[in-house]
Amino acid sequence: MTSSEARHLSLSILLDDIPEDLRETLVKSLKPETESEMRGVRANIGLVEEGVKIEIHAPNHSAFRAALNSVLRLSSTVLNLINELRRRNLA
């Protein structure tokens, strides 16, 4: 392991309380955000049996924090939008 690998931060999040009918929509909505690597940050999102799994890998704390905040905000926005559309009977 090199010194840069030792400082790399990683996190795996399992979102298991998302209704099954919203899981695929969430993954499809966030997938484009995970397809490019910026400032050494890599992210992945996918469906697993238990729910939606998000993985974040970053070279330092500030990049890690920014990526985590971005993914969580986007997730929340997508789910809130879907719920609001359903409430208005538009989805």
N, C-alpha and C. Protein backbone atom coordinates (compact mmCIF):
# COMPACT_ATOMS: atom_id res chain seq x y z
N MET A 1 0.84 -1.17 0.00
CA MET A 1 0.00 0.00 0.00
C MET A 1 0.89 1.24 0.00
N THR A 2 0.60 2.17 -0.92
CA THR A 2 1.37 3.41 -0.98
C THR A 2 0.82 4.40 0.03
N SER A 3 1.57 5.46 0.28
CA SER A 3 1.12 6.46 1.25
C SER A 3 -0.15 7.15 0.79
N SER A 4 -0.35 7.33 -0.52
CA SER A 4 -1.58 7.96 -1.00
C SER A 4 -2.78 7.04 -0.80
N GLU A 5 -2.59 5.73 -0.91
CA GLU A 5 -3.69 4.80 -0.66
C GLU A 5 -4.06 4.79 0.82
N ALA A 6 -3.09 4.96 1.67
CA ALA A 6 -3.35 4.95 3.10
C ALA A 6 -4.23 6.12 3.52
N ARG A 7 -4.15 7.22 2.81
CA ARG A 7 -4.92 8.41 3.16
C ARG A 7 -6.27 8.46 2.45
N HIS A 8 -6.52 7.53 1.58
CA HIS A 8 -7.78 7.52 0.83
C HIS A 8 -8.93 7.17 1.77
N LEU A 9 -10.03 7.89 1.68
CA LEU A 9 -11.21 7.65 2.52
C LEU A 9 -12.29 6.96 1.71
N SER A 10 -12.96 6.00 2.31
CA SER A 10 -14.02 5.27 1.64
C SER A 10 -15.21 5.10 2.57
N LEU A 11 -16.40 5.09 1.97
CA LEU A 11 -17.62 4.89 2.74
C LEU A 11 -18.61 4.14 1.87
N SER A 12 -19.29 3.20 2.47
CA SER A 12 -20.36 2.47 1.81
C SER A 12 -21.63 2.72 2.62
N ILE A 13 -22.68 3.18 1.94
CA ILE A 13 -23.94 3.50 2.59
C ILE A 13 -25.02 2.59 2.01
N LEU A 14 -25.81 2.00 2.88
CA LEU A 14 -26.95 1.20 2.43
C LEU A 14 -28.22 1.94 2.82
N LEU A 15 -28.98 2.35 1.82
CA LEU A 15 -30.27 3.00 2.04
C LEU A 15 -31.33 1.91 1.98
N ASP A 16 -31.69 1.39 3.13
CA ASP A 16 -32.60 0.24 3.16
C ASP A 16 -34.03 0.61 3.52
N ASP A 17 -34.29 1.89 3.77
CA ASP A 17 -35.65 2.30 4.13
C ASP A 17 -36.38 2.98 2.97
N ILE A 18 -35.83 2.90 1.79
CA ILE A 18 -36.46 3.49 0.61
C ILE A 18 -37.47 2.49 0.05
N PRO A 19 -38.70 2.92 -0.21
CA PRO A 19 -39.69 2.01 -0.78
C PRO A 19 -39.17 1.36 -2.06
N GLU A 20 -39.49 0.11 -2.23
CA GLU A 20 -38.97 -0.64 -3.38
C GLU A 20 -39.29 0.02 -4.71
N ASP A 21 -40.46 0.63 -4.83
CA ASP A 21 -40.84 1.22 -6.11
C ASP A 21 -40.06 2.49 -6.43
N LEU A 22 -39.32 3.04 -5.46
CA LEU A 22 -38.53 4.25 -5.71
C LEU A 22 -37.04 3.96 -5.90
N ARG A 23 -36.61 2.78 -5.56
CA ARG A 23 -35.17 2.46 -5.58
C ARG A 23 -34.56 2.61 -6.96
N GLU A 24 -35.19 2.03 -7.96
CA GLU A 24 -34.62 2.10 -9.30
C GLU A 24 -34.61 3.54 -9.83
N THR A 25 -35.64 4.30 -9.51
CA THR A 25 -35.69 5.71 -9.93
C THR A 25 -34.55 6.49 -9.30
N LEU A 26 -34.29 6.25 -8.02
CA LEU A 26 -33.19 6.94 -7.34
C LEU A 26 -31.85 6.59 -7.99
N VAL A 27 -31.63 5.31 -8.24
CA VAL A 27 -30.37 4.88 -8.85
C VAL A 27 -30.20 5.51 -10.24
N LYS A 28 -31.25 5.49 -11.05
CA LYS A 28 -31.16 6.07 -12.39
C LYS A 28 -30.93 7.58 -12.33
N SER A 29 -31.50 8.23 -11.33
CA SER A 29 -31.34 9.68 -11.20
C SER A 29 -29.93 10.07 -10.79
N LEU A 30 -29.30 9.26 -9.93
CA LEU A 30 -27.97 9.59 -9.43
C LEU A 30 -26.83 8.99 -10.24
N LYS A 31 -27.12 8.01 -11.08
CA LYS A 31 -26.08 7.31 -11.83
C LYS A 31 -25.19 8.27 -12.63
N PRO A 32 -25.74 9.26 -13.33
CA PRO A 32 -24.87 10.17 -14.08
C PRO A 32 -23.83 10.89 -13.21
N GLU A 33 -24.17 11.13 -11.96
CA GLU A 33 -23.24 11.81 -11.05
C GLU A 33 -22.06 10.92 -10.68
N THR A 34 -22.20 9.62 -10.87
CA THR A 34 -21.15 8.68 -10.48
C THR A 34 -20.28 8.24 -11.65
N GLU A 35 -20.61 8.70 -12.86
CA GLU A 35 -19.91 8.21 -14.05
C GLU A 35 -18.63 8.96 -14.38
N SER A 36 -18.35 10.02 -13.66
CA SER A 36 -17.09 10.73 -13.90
C SER A 36 -16.34 10.88 -12.58
N GLU A 37 -15.05 10.95 -12.69
CA GLU A 37 -14.20 11.12 -11.51
C GLU A 37 -13.69 12.55 -11.50
N MET A 38 -13.89 13.24 -10.38
CA MET A 38 -13.45 14.62 -10.27
C MET A 38 -12.61 14.78 -9.01
N ARG A 39 -11.45 15.36 -9.14
CA ARG A 39 -10.53 15.58 -8.02
C ARG A 39 -10.23 14.31 -7.24
N GLY A 40 -10.17 13.20 -7.96
CA GLY A 40 -9.83 11.93 -7.32
C GLY A 40 -10.98 11.27 -6.59
N VAL A 41 -12.18 11.85 -6.67
CA VAL A 41 -13.34 11.28 -5.99
C VAL A 41 -14.05 10.33 -6.94
N ARG A 42 -14.32 9.14 -6.44
CA ARG A 42 -15.10 8.16 -7.20
C ARG A 42 -16.34 7.81 -6.39
N ALA A 43 -17.44 7.64 -7.09
CA ALA A 43 -18.68 7.24 -6.42
C ALA A 43 -19.35 6.17 -7.27
N ASN A 44 -20.11 5.34 -6.60
CA ASN A 44 -20.86 4.30 -7.29
C ASN A 44 -22.20 4.16 -6.59
N ILE A 45 -23.24 3.88 -7.37
CA ILE A 45 -24.57 3.66 -6.81
C ILE A 45 -25.19 2.48 -7.54
N GLY A 46 -25.90 1.65 -6.80
CA GLY A 46 -26.54 0.51 -7.43
C GLY A 46 -27.58 -0.12 -6.54
N LEU A 47 -28.39 -0.95 -7.17
CA LEU A 47 -29.40 -1.70 -6.45
C LEU A 47 -28.78 -2.95 -5.85
N VAL A 48 -29.11 -3.22 -4.62
CA VAL A 48 -28.74 -4.47 -3.96
C VAL A 48 -30.03 -5.03 -3.37
N GLU A 49 -29.98 -6.26 -2.95
CA GLU A 49 -31.19 -6.92 -2.45
C GLU A 49 -31.85 -6.13 -1.32
N GLU A 50 -31.04 -5.53 -0.46
CA GLU A 50 -31.56 -4.83 0.72
C GLU A 50 -32.02 -3.40 0.43
N GLY A 51 -31.63 -2.82 -0.71
CA GLY A 51 -31.99 -1.44 -1.00
C GLY A 51 -31.08 -0.82 -2.04
N VAL A 52 -30.61 0.38 -1.74
CA VAL A 52 -29.71 1.12 -2.63
C VAL A 52 -28.37 1.28 -1.93
N LYS A 53 -27.31 0.93 -2.63
CA LYS A 53 -25.97 1.03 -2.04
C LYS A 53 -25.21 2.15 -2.74
N ILE A 54 -24.63 3.02 -1.94
CA ILE A 54 -23.82 4.13 -2.44
C ILE A 54 -22.42 3.97 -1.87
N GLU A 55 -21.41 4.06 -2.72
CA GLU A 55 -20.02 4.00 -2.28
C GLU A 55 -19.31 5.27 -2.71
N ILE A 56 -18.51 5.81 -1.81
CA ILE A 56 -17.74 7.02 -2.09
C ILE A 56 -16.29 6.76 -1.70
N HIS A 57 -15.38 7.14 -2.58
CA HIS A 57 -13.94 7.02 -2.34
C HIS A 57 -13.32 8.38 -2.67
N ALA A 58 -12.55 8.93 -1.74
CA ALA A 58 -11.97 10.25 -1.94
C ALA A 58 -10.55 10.29 -1.38
N PRO A 59 -9.71 11.15 -1.97
CA PRO A 59 -8.31 11.21 -1.55
C PRO A 59 -8.06 12.01 -0.28
N ASN A 60 -9.03 12.83 0.16
CA ASN A 60 -8.82 13.64 1.36
C ASN A 60 -10.17 13.97 2.01
N HIS A 61 -10.09 14.53 3.21
CA HIS A 61 -11.31 14.80 3.98
C HIS A 61 -12.24 15.81 3.32
N SER A 62 -11.70 16.87 2.77
CA SER A 62 -12.58 17.89 2.19
C SER A 62 -13.29 17.38 0.94
N ALA A 63 -12.59 16.63 0.10
CA ALA A 63 -13.21 16.05 -1.09
C ALA A 63 -14.25 15.01 -0.68
N PHE A 64 -13.93 14.24 0.34
CA PHE A 64 -14.86 13.22 0.84
C PHE A 64 -16.14 13.87 1.36
N ARG A 65 -15.98 14.89 2.18
CA ARG A 65 -17.13 15.59 2.76
C ARG A 65 -18.00 16.21 1.67
N ALA A 66 -17.37 16.83 0.67
CA ALA A 66 -18.12 17.45 -0.42
C ALA A 66 -18.90 16.40 -1.21
N ALA A 67 -18.25 15.28 -1.51
CA ALA A 67 -18.93 14.22 -2.26
C ALA A 67 -20.09 13.62 -1.47
N LEU A 68 -19.86 13.37 -0.20
CA LEU A 68 -20.91 12.81 0.65
C LEU A 68 -22.10 13.76 0.73
N ASN A 69 -21.85 15.03 0.99
CA ASN A 69 -22.93 16.02 1.06
C ASN A 69 -23.68 16.10 -0.27
N SER A 70 -22.97 16.08 -1.36
CA SER A 70 -23.59 16.16 -2.68
C SER A 70 -24.51 14.97 -2.93
N VAL A 71 -24.02 13.77 -2.68
CA VAL A 71 -24.82 12.57 -2.91
C VAL A 71 -26.04 12.53 -2.00
N LEU A 72 -25.87 12.88 -0.75
CA LEU A 72 -27.01 12.87 0.18
C LEU A 72 -28.04 13.92 -0.19
N ARG A 73 -27.59 15.12 -0.57
CA ARG A 73 -28.53 16.17 -0.98
C ARG A 73 -29.29 15.78 -2.24
N LEU A 74 -28.57 15.23 -3.22
CA LEU A 74 -29.23 14.81 -4.45
C LEU A 74 -30.23 13.71 -4.19
N SER A 75 -29.87 12.76 -3.35
CA SER A 75 -30.80 11.67 -2.99
C SER A 75 -32.06 12.23 -2.36
N SER A 76 -31.88 13.11 -1.41
CA SER A 76 -33.01 13.72 -0.73
C SER A 76 -33.89 14.51 -1.70
N THR A 77 -33.27 15.26 -2.58
CA THR A 77 -34.02 16.06 -3.56
C THR A 77 -34.85 15.18 -4.48
N VAL A 78 -34.25 14.12 -4.99
CA VAL A 78 -34.97 13.20 -5.89
C VAL A 78 -36.16 12.58 -5.17
N LEU A 79 -35.94 12.08 -3.97
CA LEU A 79 -37.03 11.43 -3.23
C LEU A 79 -38.13 12.43 -2.85
N ASN A 80 -37.75 13.63 -2.45
CA ASN A 80 -38.75 14.66 -2.13
C ASN A 80 -39.56 15.05 -3.35
N LEU A 81 -38.91 15.17 -4.49
CA LEU A 81 -39.60 15.53 -5.73
C LEU A 81 -40.60 14.44 -6.12
N ILE A 82 -40.18 13.20 -6.06
CA ILE A 82 -41.09 12.09 -6.38
C ILE A 82 -42.29 12.08 -5.43
N ASN A 83 -42.03 12.25 -4.16
CA ASN A 83 -43.13 12.26 -3.18
C ASN A 83 -44.09 13.43 -3.43
N GLU A 84 -43.57 14.59 -3.79
CA GLU A 84 -44.42 15.74 -4.07
C GLU A 84 -45.24 15.52 -5.34
N LEU A 85 -44.63 14.93 -6.36
CA LEU A 85 -45.37 14.63 -7.59
C LEU A 85 -46.48 13.62 -7.32
N ARG A 86 -46.19 12.64 -6.50
CA ARG A 86 -47.21 11.66 -6.14
C ARG A 86 -48.33 12.31 -5.35
N ARG A 87 -47.96 13.19 -4.44
CA ARG A 87 -48.97 13.89 -3.64
C ARG A 87 -49.91 14.68 -4.52
N ARG A 88 -49.37 15.24 -5.60
CA ARG A 88 -50.18 16.02 -6.53
C ARG A 88 -50.77 15.16 -7.64
N ASN A 89 -50.56 13.84 -7.53
CA ASN A 89 -51.05 12.89 -8.54
C ASN A 89 -50.49 13.16 -9.92
N LEU A 90 -49.23 13.56 -9.98
CA LEU A 90 -48.57 13.82 -11.26
C LEU A 90 -47.58 12.72 -11.64
N ALA A 91 -47.36 11.78 -10.75
CA ALA A 91 -46.40 10.71 -11.06
C ALA A 91 -47.06 9.35 -10.94
